[in-house]
Amino acid sequence: MCSSSAFHFIFSVTFIVFFFGGLCKASRHVNVDIINDIGPNLQLGVYCKSKDEDFGAHYLAPHQHWGFQAKLNFWETTLYFCHFQWKNGSQSKWFDIFDANRDYRIGICQDNPCVWSIRPKGPCRLLKGKEKCFPWNPPAI
């Protein structure tokens, strides 16, 4: 009987450690910052969301920035996407502004914010004085 109690105790402690450890991991977040570098005198409309969150519309003057905290899910598959418009809506583009597979799992935005410079040819991620530019998402069919 004693060994059965010891097993249950060890099992319970192990379960609690994994359960609460998983909750702590699931509550992690990444700061995302978006900068309007579309061009001089051009306002940038930004509308960002994920499957679970909607940040609404924001309008950025040249070189102004706006940001949010991306909440990582337990599986680290979090995706936030943004719709960008400029030139009175004649230019309209989409981009996955935070993709945990691209931006988090390989260590890019784990200890640093994901800072994006939004440009006409596509968004560029800025990190420690370096930049990596990406193409816009293809238009939806």
N, C-alpha and C. Protein backbone atom coordinates (compact mmCIF):
# COMPACT_ATOMS: atom_id res chain seq x y z
N MET A 1 0.82 -1.18 0.00
CA MET A 1 0.00 0.00 0.00
C MET A 1 0.87 1.25 0.00
N CYS A 2 1.98 1.20 0.69
CA CYS A 2 2.87 2.35 0.80
C CYS A 2 3.44 2.72 -0.57
N SER A 3 3.82 1.72 -1.36
CA SER A 3 4.39 2.01 -2.67
C SER A 3 3.35 2.62 -3.61
N SER A 4 2.08 2.24 -3.46
CA SER A 4 1.01 2.80 -4.26
C SER A 4 0.81 4.28 -3.92
N SER A 5 0.87 4.63 -2.66
CA SER A 5 0.75 6.04 -2.25
C SER A 5 1.91 6.86 -2.77
N ALA A 6 3.10 6.30 -2.71
CA ALA A 6 4.29 7.00 -3.21
C ALA A 6 4.15 7.23 -4.72
N PHE A 7 3.66 6.23 -5.44
CA PHE A 7 3.47 6.38 -6.89
C PHE A 7 2.48 7.50 -7.18
N HIS A 8 1.35 7.51 -6.47
CA HIS A 8 0.34 8.55 -6.69
C HIS A 8 0.88 9.94 -6.37
N PHE A 9 1.66 10.03 -5.30
CA PHE A 9 2.25 11.32 -4.93
C PHE A 9 3.21 11.81 -6.02
N ILE A 10 4.11 10.93 -6.47
CA ILE A 10 5.08 11.30 -7.51
C ILE A 10 4.36 11.64 -8.81
N PHE A 11 3.36 10.86 -9.16
CA PHE A 11 2.59 11.13 -10.37
C PHE A 11 1.89 12.49 -10.28
N SER A 12 1.28 12.77 -9.13
CA SER A 12 0.58 14.05 -8.94
C SER A 12 1.53 15.23 -9.04
N VAL A 13 2.68 15.14 -8.38
CA VAL A 13 3.66 16.23 -8.44
C VAL A 13 4.15 16.43 -9.87
N THR A 14 4.44 15.35 -10.56
CA THR A 14 4.90 15.44 -11.96
C THR A 14 3.84 16.09 -12.83
N PHE A 15 2.58 15.69 -12.66
CA PHE A 15 1.49 16.26 -13.44
C PHE A 15 1.39 17.76 -13.19
N ILE A 16 1.44 18.17 -11.93
CA ILE A 16 1.31 19.59 -11.59
C ILE A 16 2.46 20.40 -12.20
N VAL A 17 3.68 19.88 -12.14
CA VAL A 17 4.83 20.59 -12.71
C VAL A 17 4.66 20.76 -14.21
N PHE A 18 4.29 19.70 -14.91
CA PHE A 18 4.10 19.81 -16.37
C PHE A 18 2.93 20.71 -16.72
N PHE A 19 1.84 20.60 -15.97
CA PHE A 19 0.65 21.40 -16.26
C PHE A 19 0.94 22.88 -16.08
N PHE A 20 1.47 23.25 -14.92
CA PHE A 20 1.73 24.67 -14.67
C PHE A 20 2.91 25.18 -15.48
N GLY A 21 3.87 24.34 -15.76
CA GLY A 21 4.98 24.74 -16.64
C GLY A 21 4.47 25.04 -18.04
N GLY A 22 3.51 24.23 -18.51
CA GLY A 22 2.91 24.48 -19.82
C GLY A 22 2.12 25.76 -19.85
N LEU A 23 1.42 26.08 -18.76
CA LEU A 23 0.66 27.33 -18.71
C LEU A 23 1.59 28.53 -18.76
N CYS A 24 2.70 28.46 -18.06
CA CYS A 24 3.66 29.57 -18.08
C CYS A 24 4.22 29.75 -19.48
N LYS A 25 4.54 28.64 -20.14
CA LYS A 25 5.07 28.71 -21.49
C LYS A 25 4.03 29.30 -22.44
N ALA A 26 2.76 28.94 -22.24
CA ALA A 26 1.71 29.39 -23.14
C ALA A 26 1.41 30.88 -22.97
N SER A 27 1.80 31.46 -21.85
CA SER A 27 1.47 32.87 -21.63
C SER A 27 2.58 33.81 -22.12
N ARG A 28 3.54 33.32 -22.83
CA ARG A 28 4.62 34.17 -23.34
C ARG A 28 4.10 35.09 -24.43
N HIS A 29 4.81 36.17 -24.64
CA HIS A 29 4.41 37.11 -25.68
C HIS A 29 5.66 37.71 -26.33
N VAL A 30 5.43 38.31 -27.49
CA VAL A 30 6.47 38.99 -28.26
C VAL A 30 5.95 40.37 -28.62
N ASN A 31 6.78 41.38 -28.47
CA ASN A 31 6.40 42.73 -28.88
C ASN A 31 6.64 42.90 -30.37
N VAL A 32 5.64 43.42 -31.05
CA VAL A 32 5.71 43.68 -32.49
C VAL A 32 5.56 45.19 -32.68
N ASP A 33 6.47 45.79 -33.43
CA ASP A 33 6.44 47.23 -33.67
C ASP A 33 6.46 47.46 -35.18
N ILE A 34 5.57 48.32 -35.65
CA ILE A 34 5.41 48.60 -37.08
C ILE A 34 5.69 50.07 -37.33
N ILE A 35 6.58 50.35 -38.30
CA ILE A 35 6.98 51.73 -38.62
C ILE A 35 6.53 52.07 -40.04
N ASN A 36 5.93 53.22 -40.23
CA ASN A 36 5.52 53.68 -41.55
C ASN A 36 6.71 54.27 -42.29
N ASP A 37 7.27 53.49 -43.19
CA ASP A 37 8.35 53.95 -44.08
C ASP A 37 7.91 53.86 -45.54
N ILE A 38 6.60 54.05 -45.78
CA ILE A 38 6.04 53.97 -47.14
C ILE A 38 6.58 55.09 -48.01
N GLY A 39 6.73 56.27 -47.46
CA GLY A 39 7.25 57.40 -48.24
C GLY A 39 6.88 58.71 -47.60
N PRO A 40 7.49 59.79 -48.06
CA PRO A 40 7.21 61.10 -47.46
C PRO A 40 5.75 61.50 -47.73
N ASN A 41 5.15 62.08 -46.72
CA ASN A 41 3.78 62.60 -46.81
C ASN A 41 2.72 61.54 -47.10
N LEU A 42 3.02 60.26 -46.84
CA LEU A 42 2.04 59.19 -47.07
C LEU A 42 1.62 58.57 -45.75
N GLN A 43 0.32 58.65 -45.48
CA GLN A 43 -0.23 58.00 -44.30
C GLN A 43 -0.40 56.52 -44.59
N LEU A 44 -0.16 55.69 -43.58
CA LEU A 44 -0.28 54.25 -43.72
C LEU A 44 -1.42 53.76 -42.84
N GLY A 45 -2.39 53.09 -43.45
CA GLY A 45 -3.46 52.44 -42.69
C GLY A 45 -3.02 51.04 -42.33
N VAL A 46 -3.19 50.66 -41.06
CA VAL A 46 -2.75 49.35 -40.56
C VAL A 46 -3.92 48.69 -39.84
N TYR A 47 -4.19 47.45 -40.21
CA TYR A 47 -5.25 46.68 -39.54
C TYR A 47 -4.69 45.29 -39.26
N CYS A 48 -4.42 44.98 -37.99
CA CYS A 48 -3.78 43.71 -37.63
C CYS A 48 -4.71 42.86 -36.78
N LYS A 49 -4.56 41.53 -36.95
CA LYS A 49 -5.37 40.60 -36.18
C LYS A 49 -4.75 39.22 -36.21
N SER A 50 -5.25 38.37 -35.35
CA SER A 50 -4.93 36.95 -35.35
C SER A 50 -6.25 36.19 -35.35
N LYS A 51 -6.17 34.90 -35.15
CA LYS A 51 -7.39 34.10 -35.06
C LYS A 51 -8.21 34.51 -33.84
N ASP A 52 -7.52 34.95 -32.78
CA ASP A 52 -8.18 35.23 -31.52
C ASP A 52 -8.26 36.71 -31.14
N GLU A 53 -7.46 37.56 -31.75
CA GLU A 53 -7.41 38.97 -31.37
C GLU A 53 -7.57 39.87 -32.60
N ASP A 54 -8.21 41.01 -32.39
CA ASP A 54 -8.39 42.00 -33.45
C ASP A 54 -7.99 43.35 -32.88
N PHE A 55 -6.96 43.97 -33.43
CA PHE A 55 -6.45 45.23 -32.91
C PHE A 55 -7.09 46.46 -33.55
N GLY A 56 -7.96 46.26 -34.51
CA GLY A 56 -8.65 47.39 -35.14
C GLY A 56 -7.73 48.18 -36.07
N ALA A 57 -8.27 49.26 -36.61
CA ALA A 57 -7.54 50.08 -37.59
C ALA A 57 -6.71 51.15 -36.89
N HIS A 58 -5.53 51.39 -37.44
CA HIS A 58 -4.64 52.45 -36.96
C HIS A 58 -4.09 53.18 -38.18
N TYR A 59 -3.81 54.45 -38.01
CA TYR A 59 -3.30 55.26 -39.12
C TYR A 59 -2.00 55.90 -38.67
N LEU A 60 -0.95 55.66 -39.44
CA LEU A 60 0.38 56.12 -39.06
C LEU A 60 0.88 57.20 -40.02
N ALA A 61 1.33 58.30 -39.47
CA ALA A 61 1.99 59.34 -40.26
C ALA A 61 3.37 58.82 -40.64
N PRO A 62 4.05 59.47 -41.61
CA PRO A 62 5.39 59.02 -41.99
C PRO A 62 6.31 58.89 -40.76
N HIS A 63 6.98 57.77 -40.68
CA HIS A 63 7.94 57.41 -39.63
C HIS A 63 7.32 57.21 -38.25
N GLN A 64 6.02 57.31 -38.16
CA GLN A 64 5.34 57.01 -36.89
C GLN A 64 5.28 55.50 -36.73
N HIS A 65 5.23 55.04 -35.47
CA HIS A 65 5.12 53.60 -35.27
C HIS A 65 3.97 53.27 -34.33
N TRP A 66 3.55 52.03 -34.41
CA TRP A 66 2.50 51.47 -33.56
C TRP A 66 2.86 50.01 -33.32
N GLY A 67 2.48 49.48 -32.18
CA GLY A 67 2.83 48.10 -31.89
C GLY A 67 1.81 47.40 -31.02
N PHE A 68 2.03 46.11 -30.84
CA PHE A 68 1.16 45.27 -30.02
C PHE A 68 1.97 44.11 -29.47
N GLN A 69 1.38 43.39 -28.53
CA GLN A 69 2.00 42.19 -27.99
C GLN A 69 1.33 40.97 -28.60
N ALA A 70 2.13 40.16 -29.29
CA ALA A 70 1.63 38.91 -29.86
C ALA A 70 1.72 37.84 -28.76
N LYS A 71 0.60 37.22 -28.46
CA LYS A 71 0.56 36.18 -27.43
C LYS A 71 0.84 34.83 -28.08
N LEU A 72 1.88 34.18 -27.62
CA LEU A 72 2.25 32.87 -28.17
C LEU A 72 1.35 31.78 -27.61
N ASN A 73 0.86 30.92 -28.48
CA ASN A 73 0.08 29.79 -28.00
C ASN A 73 1.02 28.67 -27.53
N PHE A 74 0.48 27.67 -26.91
CA PHE A 74 1.28 26.58 -26.34
C PHE A 74 2.13 25.88 -27.39
N TRP A 75 1.59 25.73 -28.61
CA TRP A 75 2.27 24.98 -29.66
C TRP A 75 3.25 25.84 -30.46
N GLU A 76 3.32 27.12 -30.14
CA GLU A 76 4.20 28.06 -30.85
C GLU A 76 3.90 28.08 -32.35
N THR A 77 2.61 28.17 -32.67
CA THR A 77 2.17 28.26 -34.07
C THR A 77 1.41 29.57 -34.30
N THR A 78 1.60 30.53 -33.43
CA THR A 78 0.86 31.79 -33.47
C THR A 78 1.11 32.53 -34.78
N LEU A 79 0.04 33.14 -35.31
CA LEU A 79 0.13 33.91 -36.55
C LEU A 79 -0.70 35.18 -36.41
N TYR A 80 -0.08 36.32 -36.66
CA TYR A 80 -0.77 37.60 -36.74
C TYR A 80 -0.53 38.14 -38.14
N PHE A 81 -1.57 38.68 -38.73
CA PHE A 81 -1.41 39.24 -40.07
C PHE A 81 -1.98 40.64 -40.09
N CYS A 82 -1.44 41.46 -41.01
CA CYS A 82 -1.86 42.85 -41.10
C CYS A 82 -2.19 43.20 -42.53
N HIS A 83 -3.18 44.07 -42.66
CA HIS A 83 -3.56 44.65 -43.94
C HIS A 83 -3.05 46.09 -43.92
N PHE A 84 -2.35 46.48 -44.98
CA PHE A 84 -1.77 47.82 -45.08
C PHE A 84 -2.37 48.53 -46.29
N GLN A 85 -2.71 49.81 -46.13
CA GLN A 85 -3.23 50.61 -47.24
C GLN A 85 -2.56 51.97 -47.23
N TRP A 86 -2.27 52.48 -48.43
CA TRP A 86 -1.76 53.83 -48.57
C TRP A 86 -2.18 54.38 -49.92
N LYS A 87 -1.88 55.63 -50.17
CA LYS A 87 -2.34 56.34 -51.37
C LYS A 87 -3.85 56.26 -51.50
N ASN A 88 -4.54 56.68 -50.42
CA ASN A 88 -6.01 56.69 -50.37
C ASN A 88 -6.64 55.35 -50.73
N GLY A 89 -5.97 54.26 -50.35
CA GLY A 89 -6.51 52.92 -50.58
C GLY A 89 -6.17 52.33 -51.92
N SER A 90 -5.49 53.09 -52.80
CA SER A 90 -5.16 52.52 -54.11
C SER A 90 -4.07 51.44 -53.99
N GLN A 91 -3.30 51.48 -52.91
CA GLN A 91 -2.33 50.43 -52.63
C GLN A 91 -2.82 49.66 -51.41
N SER A 92 -2.98 48.37 -51.56
CA SER A 92 -3.53 47.52 -50.51
C SER A 92 -2.75 46.21 -50.48
N LYS A 93 -2.10 45.92 -49.35
CA LYS A 93 -1.24 44.73 -49.24
C LYS A 93 -1.49 44.03 -47.92
N TRP A 94 -1.17 42.72 -47.90
CA TRP A 94 -1.25 41.89 -46.70
C TRP A 94 0.11 41.32 -46.39
N PHE A 95 0.34 41.09 -45.08
CA PHE A 95 1.59 40.43 -44.68
C PHE A 95 1.38 39.75 -43.32
N ASP A 96 2.00 38.58 -43.16
CA ASP A 96 1.99 37.88 -41.88
C ASP A 96 3.05 38.55 -41.00
N ILE A 97 2.63 39.51 -40.20
CA ILE A 97 3.55 40.36 -39.45
C ILE A 97 4.24 39.60 -38.32
N PHE A 98 3.59 38.58 -37.78
CA PHE A 98 4.25 37.70 -36.82
C PHE A 98 3.84 36.28 -37.09
N ASP A 99 4.82 35.47 -37.46
CA ASP A 99 4.64 34.04 -37.70
C ASP A 99 5.62 33.34 -36.77
N ALA A 100 5.12 32.65 -35.76
CA ALA A 100 6.00 32.04 -34.76
C ALA A 100 7.03 31.12 -35.40
N ASN A 101 6.66 30.41 -36.46
CA ASN A 101 7.63 29.53 -37.14
C ASN A 101 8.79 30.32 -37.75
N ARG A 102 8.50 31.48 -38.29
CA ARG A 102 9.52 32.30 -38.93
C ARG A 102 10.24 33.22 -37.94
N ASP A 103 9.49 33.79 -37.00
CA ASP A 103 10.03 34.88 -36.17
C ASP A 103 10.41 34.47 -34.75
N TYR A 104 9.93 33.35 -34.27
CA TYR A 104 10.16 33.02 -32.87
C TYR A 104 10.97 31.74 -32.69
N ARG A 105 10.56 30.69 -33.33
CA ARG A 105 11.18 29.38 -33.10
C ARG A 105 12.68 29.37 -33.39
N ILE A 106 13.13 30.16 -34.33
CA ILE A 106 14.56 30.18 -34.66
C ILE A 106 15.31 31.25 -33.88
N GLY A 107 14.63 31.88 -32.92
CA GLY A 107 15.29 32.80 -32.02
C GLY A 107 15.34 34.25 -32.46
N ILE A 108 14.69 34.61 -33.56
CA ILE A 108 14.76 35.98 -34.06
C ILE A 108 14.11 36.96 -33.08
N CYS A 109 12.90 36.71 -32.67
CA CYS A 109 12.16 37.66 -31.83
C CYS A 109 11.93 37.14 -30.42
N GLN A 110 12.74 36.22 -29.95
CA GLN A 110 12.55 35.70 -28.60
C GLN A 110 12.98 36.72 -27.55
N ASP A 111 14.12 37.33 -27.73
CA ASP A 111 14.66 38.26 -26.74
C ASP A 111 14.61 39.71 -27.20
N ASN A 112 14.17 39.93 -28.41
CA ASN A 112 14.09 41.27 -28.99
C ASN A 112 12.71 41.48 -29.59
N PRO A 113 12.24 42.71 -29.65
CA PRO A 113 10.96 42.94 -30.32
C PRO A 113 11.10 42.70 -31.82
N CYS A 114 10.01 42.31 -32.44
CA CYS A 114 9.98 42.22 -33.91
C CYS A 114 9.63 43.62 -34.41
N VAL A 115 10.60 44.28 -35.02
CA VAL A 115 10.41 45.64 -35.52
C VAL A 115 10.35 45.56 -37.04
N TRP A 116 9.26 46.10 -37.61
CA TRP A 116 9.03 46.04 -39.05
C TRP A 116 8.96 47.45 -39.64
N SER A 117 9.75 47.66 -40.68
CA SER A 117 9.70 48.88 -41.47
C SER A 117 8.84 48.57 -42.69
N ILE A 118 7.70 49.24 -42.80
CA ILE A 118 6.78 48.95 -43.91
C ILE A 118 7.13 49.86 -45.07
N ARG A 119 7.47 49.23 -46.22
CA ARG A 119 7.91 49.93 -47.42
C ARG A 119 7.07 49.49 -48.61
N PRO A 120 7.06 50.27 -49.69
CA PRO A 120 6.22 49.90 -50.84
C PRO A 120 6.52 48.50 -51.41
N LYS A 121 7.78 48.09 -51.42
CA LYS A 121 8.13 46.78 -52.00
C LYS A 121 7.88 45.63 -51.05
N GLY A 122 7.68 45.93 -49.75
CA GLY A 122 7.43 44.89 -48.76
C GLY A 122 7.98 45.26 -47.41
N PRO A 123 7.58 44.52 -46.37
CA PRO A 123 8.05 44.80 -45.02
C PRO A 123 9.48 44.33 -44.82
N CYS A 124 10.24 45.08 -44.03
CA CYS A 124 11.61 44.70 -43.69
C CYS A 124 11.71 44.59 -42.17
N ARG A 125 12.21 43.44 -41.69
CA ARG A 125 12.40 43.25 -40.25
C ARG A 125 13.75 43.83 -39.87
N LEU A 126 13.76 44.68 -38.85
CA LEU A 126 14.97 45.34 -38.39
C LEU A 126 15.43 44.68 -37.10
N LEU A 127 16.69 44.28 -37.05
CA LEU A 127 17.22 43.62 -35.86
C LEU A 127 18.70 43.91 -35.73
N LYS A 128 19.07 44.58 -34.66
CA LYS A 128 20.46 44.85 -34.33
C LYS A 128 21.23 45.47 -35.49
N GLY A 129 20.65 46.50 -36.11
CA GLY A 129 21.32 47.21 -37.20
C GLY A 129 21.27 46.52 -38.55
N LYS A 130 20.64 45.36 -38.62
CA LYS A 130 20.51 44.63 -39.89
C LYS A 130 19.04 44.58 -40.27
N GLU A 131 18.79 44.36 -41.54
CA GLU A 131 17.41 44.23 -41.98
C GLU A 131 17.27 43.06 -42.94
N LYS A 132 16.10 42.45 -42.91
CA LYS A 132 15.75 41.39 -43.84
C LYS A 132 14.38 41.73 -44.39
N CYS A 133 14.32 41.88 -45.71
CA CYS A 133 13.06 42.28 -46.36
C CYS A 133 12.33 41.05 -46.90
N PHE A 134 11.01 41.15 -46.91
CA PHE A 134 10.14 40.06 -47.34
C PHE A 134 9.18 40.58 -48.39
N PRO A 135 8.69 39.71 -49.26
CA PRO A 135 7.66 40.13 -50.22
C PRO A 135 6.30 40.18 -49.53
N TRP A 136 5.39 40.93 -50.11
CA TRP A 136 4.01 40.96 -49.62
C TRP A 136 3.38 39.58 -49.83
N ASN A 137 2.37 39.25 -49.03
CA ASN A 137 1.61 38.03 -49.28
C ASN A 137 0.94 38.15 -50.65
N PRO A 138 0.76 37.06 -51.35
CA PRO A 138 0.05 37.13 -52.63
C PRO A 138 -1.40 37.57 -52.41
N PRO A 139 -1.99 38.25 -53.41
CA PRO A 139 -3.39 38.68 -53.25
C PRO A 139 -4.31 37.47 -53.13
N ALA A 140 -5.35 37.63 -52.33
CA ALA A 140 -6.34 36.55 -52.19
C ALA A 140 -7.12 36.39 -53.49
N ILE A 141 -7.44 35.16 -53.81
CA ILE A 141 -8.17 34.89 -55.05
C ILE A 141 -9.64 34.84 -54.77
